[in-house]
Amino acid sequence: MPDFLKSVPVAKQYTVPPVAVVLLLLLVFILPEPVKLLLTYERDLIGQGQVWRLLTGQWVHWGLGHFVMNVAGVFLLWLLFAEYAQGKRYVFAILGVAMMSNLGMYLFDSQVAYYVGFSGTIYGLFAWGAVQDVRQKAAFGWLLLIGVCAKVAYDMFVGAVSLGGSEVDALAVSAHFYGVLAGGVLGLLQKPVKLA
């Protein structure tokens, strides 16, 4: 077996959480459109009391490409940070980042009227995992934390460009910014993992 495969986190406690997230994303993706419309982040409806949308909007995807890119992000996070993302800790991080990303948009960016997608959570989990690495004194953590912050800053001040070459709209940049902020804060607040 090649050396790089020996470090892949395949134990059950490492694989079940990201697989569960992907299955939940898939379940929401295949829901009928009227049901998905009940879950999207919509500022006006949240203001009317439909507060569940602060959490569920991050789980909705309309296009297959968007869905696949976010699923790839979940697996990349698994490869990088599986040792920090076990059980309740992972659930708390995902739900906390998703909710705080949308809450940040709701409270501080009134221009975002509508949002769907898991990318705010993905960005936040990259920041969360990088903070975990920094707390473990892993040099790569600083590099990743600086990288994700620089990417969000670039998108905010220069303009965002997606991998496909089309411009990412301001609402995704806002979700990414508040996701990174939420992930960084949660990463600092959670008790550090004791690694073997």
C-alpha atoms as a PDB file:
ATOM      1  CA  MET A   1       0.000   0.000   0.000  1.00  0.00           C
ATOM      2  CA  PRO A   2       1.411   3.444  -0.914  1.00  0.00           C
ATOM      3  CA  ASP A   3       2.414   5.628   2.060  1.00  0.00           C
ATOM      4  CA  PHE A   4      -0.114   8.376   1.338  1.00  0.00           C
ATOM      5  CA  LEU A   5      -2.992   5.844   1.554  1.00  0.00           C
ATOM      6  CA  LYS A   6      -1.871   4.792   5.045  1.00  0.00           C
ATOM      7  CA  SER A   7      -2.767   8.234   6.378  1.00  0.00           C
ATOM      8  CA  VAL A   8      -6.292   8.304   4.892  1.00  0.00           C
ATOM      9  CA  PRO A   9      -8.773   8.359   7.815  1.00  0.00           C
ATOM     10  CA  VAL A  10     -10.916   5.287   7.063  1.00  0.00           C
ATOM     11  CA  ALA A  11     -11.914   4.265  10.597  1.00  0.00           C
ATOM     12  CA  LYS A  12     -15.659   4.382  11.271  1.00  0.00           C
ATOM     13  CA  GLN A  13     -15.478   7.393  13.611  1.00  0.00           C
ATOM     14  CA  TYR A  14     -13.853   9.374  10.787  1.00  0.00           C
ATOM     15  CA  THR A  15     -15.958   8.237   7.826  1.00  0.00           C
ATOM     16  CA  VAL A  16     -19.499   8.131   9.223  1.00  0.00           C
ATOM     17  CA  PRO A  17     -19.836  11.914   9.855  1.00  0.00           C
ATOM     18  CA  PRO A  18     -18.921  13.118   6.321  1.00  0.00           C
ATOM     19  CA  VAL A  19     -20.900  10.296   4.681  1.00  0.00           C
ATOM     20  CA  ALA A  20     -23.931  11.296   6.776  1.00  0.00           C
ATOM     21  CA  VAL A  21     -23.527  14.926   5.649  1.00  0.00           C
ATOM     22  CA  VAL A  22     -23.300  13.888   1.989  1.00  0.00           C
ATOM     23  CA  LEU A  23     -26.384  11.687   2.342  1.00  0.00           C
ATOM     24  CA  LEU A  24     -28.315  14.559   3.927  1.00  0.00           C
ATOM     25  CA  LEU A  25     -27.198  16.904   1.139  1.00  0.00           C
ATOM     26  CA  LEU A  26     -28.297  14.288  -1.410  1.00  0.00           C
ATOM     27  CA  LEU A  27     -31.655  13.810   0.300  1.00  0.00           C
ATOM     28  CA  VAL A  28     -32.347  17.544   0.192  1.00  0.00           C
ATOM     29  CA  PHE A  29     -31.090  17.723  -3.413  1.00  0.00           C
ATOM     30  CA  ILE A  30     -33.605  15.132  -4.635  1.00  0.00           C
ATOM     31  CA  LEU A  31     -36.577  16.624  -2.774  1.00  0.00           C
ATOM     32  CA  PRO A  32     -39.383  17.955  -4.966  1.00  0.00           C
ATOM     33  CA  GLU A  33     -39.002  21.636  -5.838  1.00  0.00           C
ATOM     34  CA  PRO A  34     -41.965  22.812  -3.693  1.00  0.00           C
ATOM     35  CA  VAL A  35     -40.389  21.209  -0.625  1.00  0.00           C
ATOM     36  CA  LYS A  36     -36.969  22.702  -1.407  1.00  0.00           C
ATOM     37  CA  LEU A  37     -38.607  26.117  -1.692  1.00  0.00           C
ATOM     38  CA  LEU A  38     -39.735  25.724   1.946  1.00  0.00           C
ATOM     39  CA  LEU A  39     -36.085  25.301   2.990  1.00  0.00           C
ATOM     40  CA  THR A  40     -34.262  28.070   1.104  1.00  0.00           C
ATOM     41  CA  TYR A  41     -32.817  31.128   2.817  1.00  0.00           C
ATOM     42  CA  GLU A  42     -35.281  33.923   2.052  1.00  0.00           C
ATOM     43  CA  ARG A  43     -34.834  37.130   4.058  1.00  0.00           C
ATOM     44  CA  ASP A  44     -38.464  38.256   3.925  1.00  0.00           C
ATOM     45  CA  LEU A  45     -39.808  34.874   5.036  1.00  0.00           C
ATOM     46  CA  ILE A  46     -37.264  34.623   7.853  1.00  0.00           C
ATOM     47  CA  GLY A  47     -38.418  38.061   8.979  1.00  0.00           C
ATOM     48  CA  GLN A  48     -41.983  36.701   9.015  1.00  0.00           C
ATOM     49  CA  GLY A  49     -40.975  33.994  11.494  1.00  0.00           C
ATOM     50  CA  GLN A  50     -39.734  31.126   9.282  1.00  0.00           C
ATOM     51  CA  VAL A  51     -36.465  30.979  11.227  1.00  0.00           C
ATOM     52  CA  TRP A  52     -35.653  27.368  10.227  1.00  0.00           C
ATOM     53  CA  ARG A  53     -34.483  28.829   6.919  1.00  0.00           C
ATOM     54  CA  LEU A  54     -31.426  30.219   8.768  1.00  0.00           C
ATOM     55  CA  LEU A  55     -30.226  26.621   8.975  1.00  0.00           C
ATOM     56  CA  THR A  56     -31.848  24.820   6.070  1.00  0.00           C
ATOM     57  CA  GLY A  57     -30.863  27.271   3.320  1.00  0.00           C
ATOM     58  CA  GLN A  58     -27.292  25.987   3.465  1.00  0.00           C
ATOM     59  CA  TRP A  59     -28.442  22.462   2.572  1.00  0.00           C
ATOM     60  CA  VAL A  60     -30.410  23.290  -0.601  1.00  0.00           C
ATOM     61  CA  HIS A  61     -28.862  23.002  -4.084  1.00  0.00           C
ATOM     62  CA  TRP A  62     -30.611  23.594  -7.403  1.00  0.00           C
ATOM     63  CA  GLY A  63     -27.898  22.561  -9.868  1.00  0.00           C
ATOM     64  CA  LEU A  64     -25.946  19.319 -10.083  1.00  0.00           C
ATOM     65  CA  GLY A  65     -22.599  21.097 -10.577  1.00  0.00           C
ATOM     66  CA  HIS A  66     -23.096  23.190  -7.432  1.00  0.00           C
ATOM     67  CA  PHE A  67     -24.096  20.079  -5.480  1.00  0.00           C
ATOM     68  CA  VAL A  68     -21.093  18.047  -6.703  1.00  0.00           C
ATOM     69  CA  MET A  69     -18.644  20.846  -5.894  1.00  0.00           C
ATOM     70  CA  ASN A  70     -19.947  21.092  -2.326  1.00  0.00           C
ATOM     71  CA  VAL A  71     -19.846  17.302  -1.874  1.00  0.00           C
ATOM     72  CA  ALA A  72     -16.222  17.394  -3.060  1.00  0.00           C
ATOM     73  CA  GLY A  73     -15.611  20.066  -0.411  1.00  0.00           C
ATOM     74  CA  VAL A  74     -17.020  17.764   2.290  1.00  0.00           C
ATOM     75  CA  PHE A  75     -14.627  15.001   1.238  1.00  0.00           C
ATOM     76  CA  LEU A  76     -11.658  17.373   1.113  1.00  0.00           C
ATOM     77  CA  LEU A  77     -12.512  18.513   4.634  1.00  0.00           C
ATOM     78  CA  TRP A  78     -12.624  14.846   5.665  1.00  0.00           C
ATOM     79  CA  LEU A  79      -9.156  14.235   4.267  1.00  0.00           C
ATOM     80  CA  LEU A  80      -7.725  17.321   5.970  1.00  0.00           C
ATOM     81  CA  PHE A  81      -9.534  17.382   9.303  1.00  0.00           C
ATOM     82  CA  ALA A  82     -11.129  14.002  10.044  1.00  0.00           C
ATOM     83  CA  GLU A  83      -9.342  13.696  13.385  1.00  0.00           C
ATOM     84  CA  TYR A  84     -11.143  16.829  14.627  1.00  0.00           C
ATOM     85  CA  ALA A  85     -14.541  16.005  13.140  1.00  0.00           C
ATOM     86  CA  GLN A  86     -15.883  13.113  15.137  1.00  0.00           C
ATOM     87  CA  GLY A  87     -19.442  12.637  16.381  1.00  0.00           C
ATOM     88  CA  LYS A  88     -21.107  15.465  18.295  1.00  0.00           C
ATOM     89  CA  ARG A  89     -18.156  17.756  17.702  1.00  0.00           C
ATOM     90  CA  TYR A  90     -18.657  17.544  13.922  1.00  0.00           C
ATOM     91  CA  VAL A  91     -22.429  17.955  14.185  1.00  0.00           C
ATOM     92  CA  PHE A  92     -21.985  21.026  16.399  1.00  0.00           C
ATOM     93  CA  ALA A  93     -19.426  22.523  14.011  1.00  0.00           C
ATOM     94  CA  ILE A  94     -21.563  21.985  10.902  1.00  0.00           C
ATOM     95  CA  LEU A  95     -24.823  23.180  12.398  1.00  0.00           C
ATOM     96  CA  GLY A  96     -23.132  26.096  14.159  1.00  0.00           C
ATOM     97  CA  VAL A  97     -21.286  27.287  11.052  1.00  0.00           C
ATOM     98  CA  ALA A  98     -24.348  26.865   8.795  1.00  0.00           C
ATOM     99  CA  MET A  99     -26.598  28.774  11.191  1.00  0.00           C
ATOM    100  CA  MET A 100     -24.079  31.525  11.929  1.00  0.00           C
ATOM    101  CA  SER A 101     -23.231  31.996   8.251  1.00  0.00           C
ATOM    102  CA  ASN A 102     -26.880  32.620   7.411  1.00  0.00           C
ATOM    103  CA  LEU A 103     -27.487  34.625  10.582  1.00  0.00           C
ATOM    104  CA  GLY A 104     -24.539  36.856   9.678  1.00  0.00           C
ATOM    105  CA  MET A 105     -26.061  37.509   6.270  1.00  0.00           C
ATOM    106  CA  TYR A 106     -29.457  38.136   7.802  1.00  0.00           C
ATOM    107  CA  LEU A 107     -28.214  40.594  10.416  1.00  0.00           C
ATOM    108  CA  PHE A 108     -25.458  42.389   8.522  1.00  0.00           C
ATOM    109  CA  ASP A 109     -26.071  42.074   4.779  1.00  0.00           C
ATOM    110  CA  SER A 110     -29.575  43.169   3.869  1.00  0.00           C
ATOM    111  CA  GLN A 111     -28.737  42.930   0.152  1.00  0.00           C
ATOM    112  CA  VAL A 112     -28.840  39.127   0.353  1.00  0.00           C
ATOM    113  CA  ALA A 113     -32.524  38.345  -0.082  1.00  0.00           C
ATOM    114  CA  TYR A 114     -32.113  34.722  -1.207  1.00  0.00           C
ATOM    115  CA  TYR A 115     -29.409  32.097  -0.761  1.00  0.00           C
ATOM    116  CA  VAL A 116     -28.927  28.357  -1.233  1.00  0.00           C
ATOM    117  CA  GLY A 117     -25.853  26.146  -1.088  1.00  0.00           C
ATOM    118  CA  PHE A 118     -23.421  24.606   1.356  1.00  0.00           C
ATOM    119  CA  SER A 119     -20.399  26.715   0.409  1.00  0.00           C
ATOM    120  CA  GLY A 120     -20.763  29.093   3.367  1.00  0.00           C
ATOM    121  CA  THR A 121     -20.543  26.039   5.616  1.00  0.00           C
ATOM    122  CA  ILE A 122     -17.631  24.577   3.619  1.00  0.00           C
ATOM    123  CA  TYR A 123     -15.626  27.803   3.912  1.00  0.00           C
ATOM    124  CA  GLY A 124     -16.449  27.969   7.601  1.00  0.00           C
ATOM    125  CA  LEU A 125     -15.348  24.386   8.186  1.00  0.00           C
ATOM    126  CA  PHE A 126     -12.049  25.090   6.439  1.00  0.00           C
ATOM    127  CA  ALA A 127     -11.481  27.946   8.892  1.00  0.00           C
ATOM    128  CA  TRP A 128     -12.643  25.741  11.790  1.00  0.00           C
ATOM    129  CA  GLY A 129     -10.268  22.930  10.819  1.00  0.00           C
ATOM    130  CA  ALA A 130      -7.383  25.349  10.238  1.00  0.00           C
ATOM    131  CA  VAL A 131      -7.885  26.776  13.729  1.00  0.00           C
ATOM    132  CA  GLN A 132      -7.823  23.212  15.091  1.00  0.00           C
ATOM    133  CA  ASP A 133      -4.520  22.653  13.277  1.00  0.00           C
ATOM    134  CA  VAL A 134      -3.106  25.898  14.678  1.00  0.00           C
ATOM    135  CA  ARG A 135      -4.113  24.835  18.185  1.00  0.00           C
ATOM    136  CA  GLN A 136      -2.277  21.544  17.572  1.00  0.00           C
ATOM    137  CA  LYS A 137       0.763  23.582  16.452  1.00  0.00           C
ATOM    138  CA  ALA A 138       0.579  22.254  12.901  1.00  0.00           C
ATOM    139  CA  ALA A 139       2.220  24.758  10.537  1.00  0.00           C
ATOM    140  CA  PHE A 140      -0.162  23.796   7.732  1.00  0.00           C
ATOM    141  CA  GLY A 141      -3.017  25.207   9.830  1.00  0.00           C
ATOM    142  CA  TRP A 142      -1.628  28.727   9.620  1.00  0.00           C
ATOM    143  CA  LEU A 143      -1.147  28.382   5.875  1.00  0.00           C
ATOM    144  CA  LEU A 144      -4.709  27.167   5.365  1.00  0.00           C
ATOM    145  CA  LEU A 145      -6.191  29.792   7.701  1.00  0.00           C
ATOM    146  CA  ILE A 146      -4.338  32.609   5.951  1.00  0.00           C
ATOM    147  CA  GLY A 147      -5.318  31.130   2.570  1.00  0.00           C
ATOM    148  CA  VAL A 148      -9.045  30.907   3.276  1.00  0.00           C
ATOM    149  CA  CYS A 149      -9.080  34.413   4.801  1.00  0.00           C
ATOM    150  CA  ALA A 150      -7.123  35.805   1.833  1.00  0.00           C
ATOM    151  CA  LYS A 151      -9.536  34.135  -0.626  1.00  0.00           C
ATOM    152  CA  VAL A 152     -12.573  35.662   1.094  1.00  0.00           C
ATOM    153  CA  ALA A 153     -10.870  39.081   1.321  1.00  0.00           C
ATOM    154  CA  TYR A 154      -9.952  38.919  -2.379  1.00  0.00           C
ATOM    155  CA  ASP A 155     -13.525  38.002  -3.298  1.00  0.00           C
ATOM    156  CA  MET A 156     -14.923  40.849  -1.209  1.00  0.00           C
ATOM    157  CA  PHE A 157     -12.581  43.601  -2.343  1.00  0.00           C
ATOM    158  CA  VAL A 158     -11.471  42.590  -5.847  1.00  0.00           C
ATOM    159  CA  GLY A 159     -14.275  40.341  -7.042  1.00  0.00           C
ATOM    160  CA  ALA A 160     -15.001  36.646  -6.940  1.00  0.00           C
ATOM    161  CA  VAL A 161     -14.406  34.230  -9.789  1.00  0.00           C
ATOM    162  CA  SER A 162     -15.588  30.638  -9.666  1.00  0.00           C
ATOM    163  CA  LEU A 163     -13.700  27.629 -11.006  1.00  0.00           C
ATOM    164  CA  GLY A 164     -15.906  27.661 -14.082  1.00  0.00           C
ATOM    165  CA  GLY A 165     -14.864  31.200 -14.917  1.00  0.00           C
ATOM    166  CA  SER A 166     -18.230  32.804 -14.204  1.00  0.00           C
ATOM    167  CA  GLU A 167     -18.512  35.452 -11.548  1.00  0.00           C
ATOM    168  CA  VAL A 168     -19.733  34.349  -8.112  1.00  0.00           C
ATOM    169  CA  ASP A 169     -22.399  36.732  -6.922  1.00  0.00           C
ATOM    170  CA  ALA A 170     -22.109  38.858  -3.812  1.00  0.00           C
ATOM    171  CA  LEU A 171     -24.467  36.648  -1.863  1.00  0.00           C
ATOM    172  CA  ALA A 172     -22.035  33.711  -2.015  1.00  0.00           C
ATOM    173  CA  VAL A 173     -19.171  35.997  -0.987  1.00  0.00           C
ATOM    174  CA  SER A 174     -21.243  37.141   1.983  1.00  0.00           C
ATOM    175  CA  ALA A 175     -22.035  33.533   2.953  1.00  0.00           C
ATOM    176  CA  HIS A 176     -18.346  32.615   2.646  1.00  0.00           C
ATOM    177  CA  PHE A 177     -17.269  35.600   4.768  1.00  0.00           C
ATOM    178  CA  TYR A 178     -19.723  34.861   7.584  1.00  0.00           C
ATOM    179  CA  GLY A 179     -18.968  31.152   7.307  1.00  0.00           C
ATOM    180  CA  VAL A 180     -15.228  31.772   7.779  1.00  0.00           C
ATOM    181  CA  LEU A 181     -15.943  34.103  10.688  1.00  0.00           C
ATOM    182  CA  ALA A 182     -18.227  31.514  12.300  1.00  0.00           C
ATOM    183  CA  GLY A 183     -15.761  28.672  11.717  1.00  0.00           C
ATOM    184  CA  GLY A 184     -12.900  30.649  13.229  1.00  0.00           C
ATOM    185  CA  VAL A 185     -14.921  31.546  16.318  1.00  0.00           C
ATOM    186  CA  LEU A 186     -16.184  27.978  16.800  1.00  0.00           C
ATOM    187  CA  GLY A 187     -12.660  26.651  16.296  1.00  0.00           C
ATOM    188  CA  LEU A 188     -11.463  28.872  19.138  1.00  0.00           C
ATOM    189  CA  LEU A 189     -14.395  28.079  21.441  1.00  0.00           C
ATOM    190  CA  GLN A 190     -14.374  24.290  21.119  1.00  0.00           C
ATOM    191  CA  LYS A 191     -12.129  22.356  23.441  1.00  0.00           C
ATOM    192  CA  PRO A 192      -9.034  21.168  21.537  1.00  0.00           C
ATOM    193  CA  VAL A 193      -8.960  17.534  20.425  1.00  0.00           C
ATOM    194  CA  LYS A 194      -6.397  15.320  22.101  1.00  0.00           C
ATOM    195  CA  LEU A 195      -4.623  13.579  19.251  1.00  0.00           C
ATOM    196  CA  ALA A 196      -2.922  10.224  19.804  1.00  0.00           C
END
